[in-house]
Amino acid sequence: MFLAIEGLDASGKNTVSLELVSYLQSLRYRACHIDKNSCDFGDLDENTLRVIRNFHDTIYNQDPQEYYNQYEKTFWVTTQASWFNLVYSFGVRPRVSDSIVVSAGWFYKFLAKYARKMQEIDWILDVFEAIPEPDVTVFLDVSPSVTVTRRDSFTKTETGHLDGYVGDMSTTFVAYQKELLTILKGHGRGRNGSIFISDLCPAASTVSEIVAAIYGAIAGCLEEYQTGP
């Protein structure tokens, strides 16, 4: 099973996904965590690793302001689609047949950002159509007014300063993230296997409560991944 924990910046995706894997492992399920922003996918030959690292550096090791100005928006959409294809091919697919593979996010937040930026969501969805989606996607529906309190500093990609916003970064973070949340909800609800944690457990406020709610929703599908009672 492939399961993604999705949400806005600072919504707790990484924390919840890591805690969920630990919880599942404590119950003797075969479960692992995949970092979609990493190129550490286990034992690969040097040539494959070089290709993956080059792609990784292209996306993650450049100054956002420079590459936003230097390249067309369509370049970044197709490049990100290629990256997620690599992550699935080398990070998810080799493990998903006999384990619960949990990722802190998939490509949905990227789609939301570029749908806002380009106003061409149908074209963007077409580009990503070939990328496998998770069997289950859990959306952490957390208000930006809450997530803003979890950060001492923000990047320009989180505050919308690369997309027309100006001014105080905390203020623009909330406004920009609210826009993204609306898009995420619009294209997230109704997707195959989508679960909104606010629907599943409206009162969930701690990581342990969220993890318990997720487990309660999917436990019936996990028997084949359990190694013992």
Protein backbone atom coordinates (compact mmCIF):
# COMPACT_ATOMS: atom_id res chain seq x y z
CA MET A 1 0.00 0.00 0.00
CA PHE A 2 1.15 3.50 -0.84
CA LEU A 3 -0.09 6.16 1.61
CA ALA A 4 0.64 9.89 1.48
CA ILE A 5 0.16 12.44 4.25
CA GLU A 6 -0.69 15.66 2.43
CA GLY A 7 -1.23 19.23 3.57
CA LEU A 8 0.04 22.79 3.54
CA ASP A 9 3.49 23.97 4.56
CA ALA A 10 3.96 23.43 8.33
CA SER A 11 0.80 21.30 8.58
CA GLY A 12 2.77 18.43 10.15
CA LYS A 13 3.13 16.08 7.20
CA ASN A 14 6.61 14.83 8.03
CA THR A 15 5.94 14.49 11.76
CA VAL A 16 2.69 12.58 11.23
CA SER A 17 4.12 10.31 8.52
CA LEU A 18 7.14 9.34 10.66
CA GLU A 19 4.94 8.74 13.72
CA LEU A 20 2.51 6.68 11.66
CA VAL A 21 5.31 4.43 10.41
CA SER A 22 6.60 3.95 13.96
CA TYR A 23 3.09 3.16 15.18
CA LEU A 24 2.49 0.64 12.40
CA GLN A 25 5.84 -1.02 13.04
CA SER A 26 5.00 -1.30 16.75
CA LEU A 27 1.91 -3.28 15.71
CA ARG A 28 4.12 -5.58 13.60
CA TYR A 29 3.21 -4.17 10.21
CA ARG A 30 5.81 -3.95 7.48
CA ALA A 31 5.97 -0.18 7.01
CA CYS A 32 8.58 2.30 5.78
CA HIS A 33 8.92 6.04 5.23
CA ILE A 34 9.90 7.60 1.90
CA ASP A 35 11.23 11.15 1.71
CA LYS A 36 10.13 12.56 -1.64
CA ASN A 37 12.71 15.36 -1.34
CA SER A 38 15.61 12.94 -0.89
CA CYS A 39 17.55 10.78 -3.31
CA ASP A 40 18.29 8.08 -0.74
CA PHE A 41 16.41 5.11 -2.18
CA GLY A 42 18.69 2.28 -1.08
CA ASP A 43 21.18 0.29 -3.11
CA LEU A 44 21.34 1.59 -6.67
CA ASP A 45 24.10 1.46 -9.26
CA GLU A 46 26.32 4.51 -9.63
CA ASN A 47 24.90 5.58 -12.99
CA THR A 48 21.33 5.55 -11.68
CA LEU A 49 22.39 7.41 -8.54
CA ARG A 50 24.13 10.07 -10.65
CA VAL A 51 20.97 10.68 -12.70
CA ILE A 52 18.83 10.91 -9.56
CA ARG A 53 21.28 13.25 -7.81
CA ASN A 54 21.45 15.52 -10.85
CA PHE A 55 17.68 15.78 -10.91
CA HIS A 56 17.62 16.39 -7.17
CA ASP A 57 20.19 19.19 -7.43
CA THR A 58 18.27 20.81 -10.29
CA ILE A 59 15.14 21.05 -8.17
CA TYR A 60 16.33 21.47 -4.58
CA ASN A 61 19.82 22.99 -4.63
CA GLN A 62 19.15 26.24 -6.46
CA ASP A 63 18.01 29.64 -5.27
CA PRO A 64 14.24 29.77 -5.95
CA GLN A 65 14.33 33.42 -7.02
CA GLU A 66 16.95 32.67 -9.67
CA TYR A 67 15.29 29.66 -11.21
CA TYR A 68 11.83 31.22 -11.16
CA ASN A 69 13.21 34.09 -13.24
CA GLN A 70 15.51 32.05 -15.47
CA TYR A 71 13.20 29.28 -16.65
CA GLU A 72 9.68 29.04 -18.01
CA LYS A 73 7.00 27.85 -15.59
CA THR A 74 6.30 24.93 -17.91
CA PHE A 75 9.90 23.76 -17.42
CA TRP A 76 9.34 23.38 -13.67
CA VAL A 77 6.06 21.54 -14.11
CA THR A 78 7.60 18.94 -16.41
CA THR A 79 10.77 18.72 -14.30
CA GLN A 80 8.76 18.09 -11.13
CA ALA A 81 6.70 15.45 -12.93
CA SER A 82 9.93 13.71 -13.92
CA TRP A 83 11.17 13.90 -10.32
CA PHE A 84 8.03 12.32 -8.89
CA ASN A 85 8.31 9.62 -11.54
CA LEU A 86 11.83 8.88 -10.27
CA VAL A 87 10.69 8.86 -6.63
CA TYR A 88 7.91 6.41 -7.42
CA SER A 89 10.08 4.19 -9.61
CA PHE A 90 12.99 3.87 -7.18
CA GLY A 91 11.47 4.75 -3.80
CA VAL A 92 7.92 3.45 -3.80
CA ARG A 93 7.46 0.70 -6.40
CA PRO A 94 10.21 -1.65 -5.11
CA ARG A 95 8.60 -1.66 -1.64
CA VAL A 96 4.89 -1.21 -2.17
CA SER A 97 3.96 -4.81 -2.96
CA ASP A 98 4.76 -6.12 0.52
CA SER A 99 4.94 -2.99 2.73
CA ILE A 100 2.98 0.08 3.70
CA VAL A 101 4.98 2.90 2.11
CA VAL A 102 4.27 6.27 3.74
CA SER A 103 5.32 9.58 2.16
CA ALA A 104 5.14 13.07 3.67
CA GLY A 105 3.18 14.52 0.79
CA TRP A 106 2.99 13.66 -2.87
CA PHE A 107 2.64 16.05 -5.80
CA TYR A 108 -0.63 17.70 -4.75
CA LYS A 109 0.81 20.77 -3.02
CA PHE A 110 3.02 21.42 -6.04
CA LEU A 111 -0.05 21.19 -8.28
CA ALA A 112 -1.86 23.69 -6.07
CA LYS A 113 1.00 26.19 -6.25
CA TYR A 114 1.32 25.97 -10.00
CA ALA A 115 -2.43 25.89 -10.60
CA ARG A 116 -2.54 29.26 -8.83
CA LYS A 117 0.53 30.52 -10.66
CA MET A 118 -0.45 29.44 -14.18
CA GLN A 119 -4.25 29.16 -14.05
CA GLU A 120 -3.94 26.04 -16.21
CA ILE A 121 -4.86 23.20 -13.88
CA ASP A 122 -6.11 20.89 -16.66
CA TRP A 123 -2.78 21.08 -18.51
CA ILE A 124 -0.84 20.50 -15.27
CA LEU A 125 -3.01 17.48 -14.43
CA ASP A 126 -2.36 16.09 -17.91
CA VAL A 127 1.41 16.36 -17.34
CA PHE A 128 1.13 14.46 -14.04
CA GLU A 129 -1.40 11.92 -15.29
CA ALA A 130 1.20 9.18 -15.73
CA ILE A 131 2.52 9.54 -12.16
CA PRO A 132 0.95 6.87 -9.90
CA GLU A 133 -1.14 8.30 -7.09
CA PRO A 134 -1.23 6.93 -3.54
CA ASP A 135 -3.76 4.23 -2.66
CA VAL A 136 -4.73 6.43 0.28
CA THR A 137 -4.10 10.15 0.70
CA VAL A 138 -4.66 11.73 4.12
CA PHE A 139 -5.14 15.50 3.98
CA LEU A 140 -4.16 17.33 7.16
CA ASP A 141 -6.76 20.09 6.99
CA VAL A 142 -5.01 22.62 9.24
CA SER A 143 -5.77 26.33 9.07
CA PRO A 144 -2.88 28.60 7.97
CA SER A 145 -3.69 30.70 11.03
CA VAL A 146 -2.49 27.71 13.05
CA THR A 147 0.43 26.62 10.87
CA VAL A 148 1.93 30.13 10.88
CA THR A 149 2.53 29.80 14.64
CA ARG A 150 4.70 26.72 14.07
CA ARG A 151 7.45 28.55 12.20
CA ASP A 152 9.98 31.16 13.31
CA SER A 153 10.91 31.94 9.71
CA PHE A 154 9.52 31.34 6.23
CA THR A 155 10.84 30.85 2.71
CA LYS A 156 9.66 32.87 -0.28
CA THR A 157 8.10 29.74 -1.76
CA GLU A 158 5.92 29.42 1.37
CA THR A 159 4.81 33.06 1.57
CA GLY A 160 3.92 33.71 -2.06
CA HIS A 161 6.69 36.29 -2.45
CA LEU A 162 7.64 34.59 -5.72
CA ASP A 163 4.04 34.81 -6.89
CA GLY A 164 3.13 38.45 -6.39
CA TYR A 165 2.75 38.76 -2.63
CA VAL A 166 4.62 41.55 -0.84
CA GLY A 167 4.90 42.65 2.76
CA ASP A 168 5.28 40.95 6.14
CA MET A 169 6.13 37.29 5.63
CA SER A 170 3.89 35.99 8.42
CA THR A 171 0.91 37.87 7.01
CA THR A 172 1.55 36.80 3.43
CA PHE A 173 2.16 33.19 4.55
CA VAL A 174 -1.39 33.02 5.93
CA ALA A 175 -2.98 34.65 2.88
CA TYR A 176 -1.04 32.58 0.33
CA GLN A 177 -1.52 29.30 2.17
CA LYS A 178 -5.29 29.95 2.39
CA GLU A 179 -5.37 30.18 -1.40
CA LEU A 180 -3.47 26.91 -1.71
CA LEU A 181 -5.75 25.20 0.82
CA THR A 182 -8.79 26.09 -1.26
CA ILE A 183 -7.18 24.57 -4.36
CA LEU A 184 -6.01 21.48 -2.45
CA LYS A 185 -9.50 20.86 -1.11
CA GLY A 186 -11.07 21.38 -4.51
CA HIS A 187 -8.84 18.86 -6.25
CA GLY A 188 -8.31 16.56 -3.28
CA ARG A 189 -11.84 15.69 -2.26
CA GLY A 190 -13.17 12.81 -4.27
CA ARG A 191 -9.78 11.53 -5.38
CA ASN A 192 -9.36 7.78 -5.07
CA GLY A 193 -8.76 6.88 -1.43
CA SER A 194 -8.72 10.48 -0.18
CA ILE A 195 -9.32 11.04 3.54
CA PHE A 196 -9.63 14.48 5.16
CA ILE A 197 -8.49 14.26 8.77
CA SER A 198 -10.93 17.08 9.65
CA ASP A 199 -13.79 14.85 8.45
CA LEU A 200 -12.37 11.70 9.99
CA CYS A 201 -11.61 13.12 13.41
CA PRO A 202 -12.59 16.79 13.74
CA ALA A 203 -11.31 17.03 17.32
CA ALA A 204 -7.88 15.54 16.57
CA SER A 205 -5.25 18.01 17.73
CA THR A 206 -2.21 15.97 18.76
CA VAL A 207 0.00 13.82 16.58
CA SER A 208 -1.00 10.68 18.48
CA GLU A 209 -4.72 11.44 17.97
CA ILE A 210 -4.18 12.02 14.25
CA VAL A 211 -2.17 8.80 13.89
CA ALA A 212 -4.84 6.84 15.77
CA ALA A 213 -7.55 8.29 13.52
CA ILE A 214 -5.62 7.37 10.38
CA TYR A 215 -5.01 3.85 11.64
CA GLY A 216 -8.68 3.44 12.53
CA ALA A 217 -9.66 4.40 8.98
CA ILE A 218 -7.27 2.04 7.17
CA ALA A 219 -6.77 -0.87 9.60
CA GLY A 220 -9.18 -3.09 7.69
CA CYS A 221 -6.96 -2.93 4.60
CA LEU A 222 -3.65 -3.75 6.32
CA GLU A 223 -3.90 -7.43 7.28
CA GLU A 224 -1.65 -8.63 4.47
CA TYR A 225 1.19 -6.38 5.71
CA GLN A 226 1.23 -7.69 9.29
CA THR A 227 4.06 -10.01 10.27
CA GLY A 228 2.54 -11.38 13.48
CA PRO A 229 -0.22 -10.98 16.08
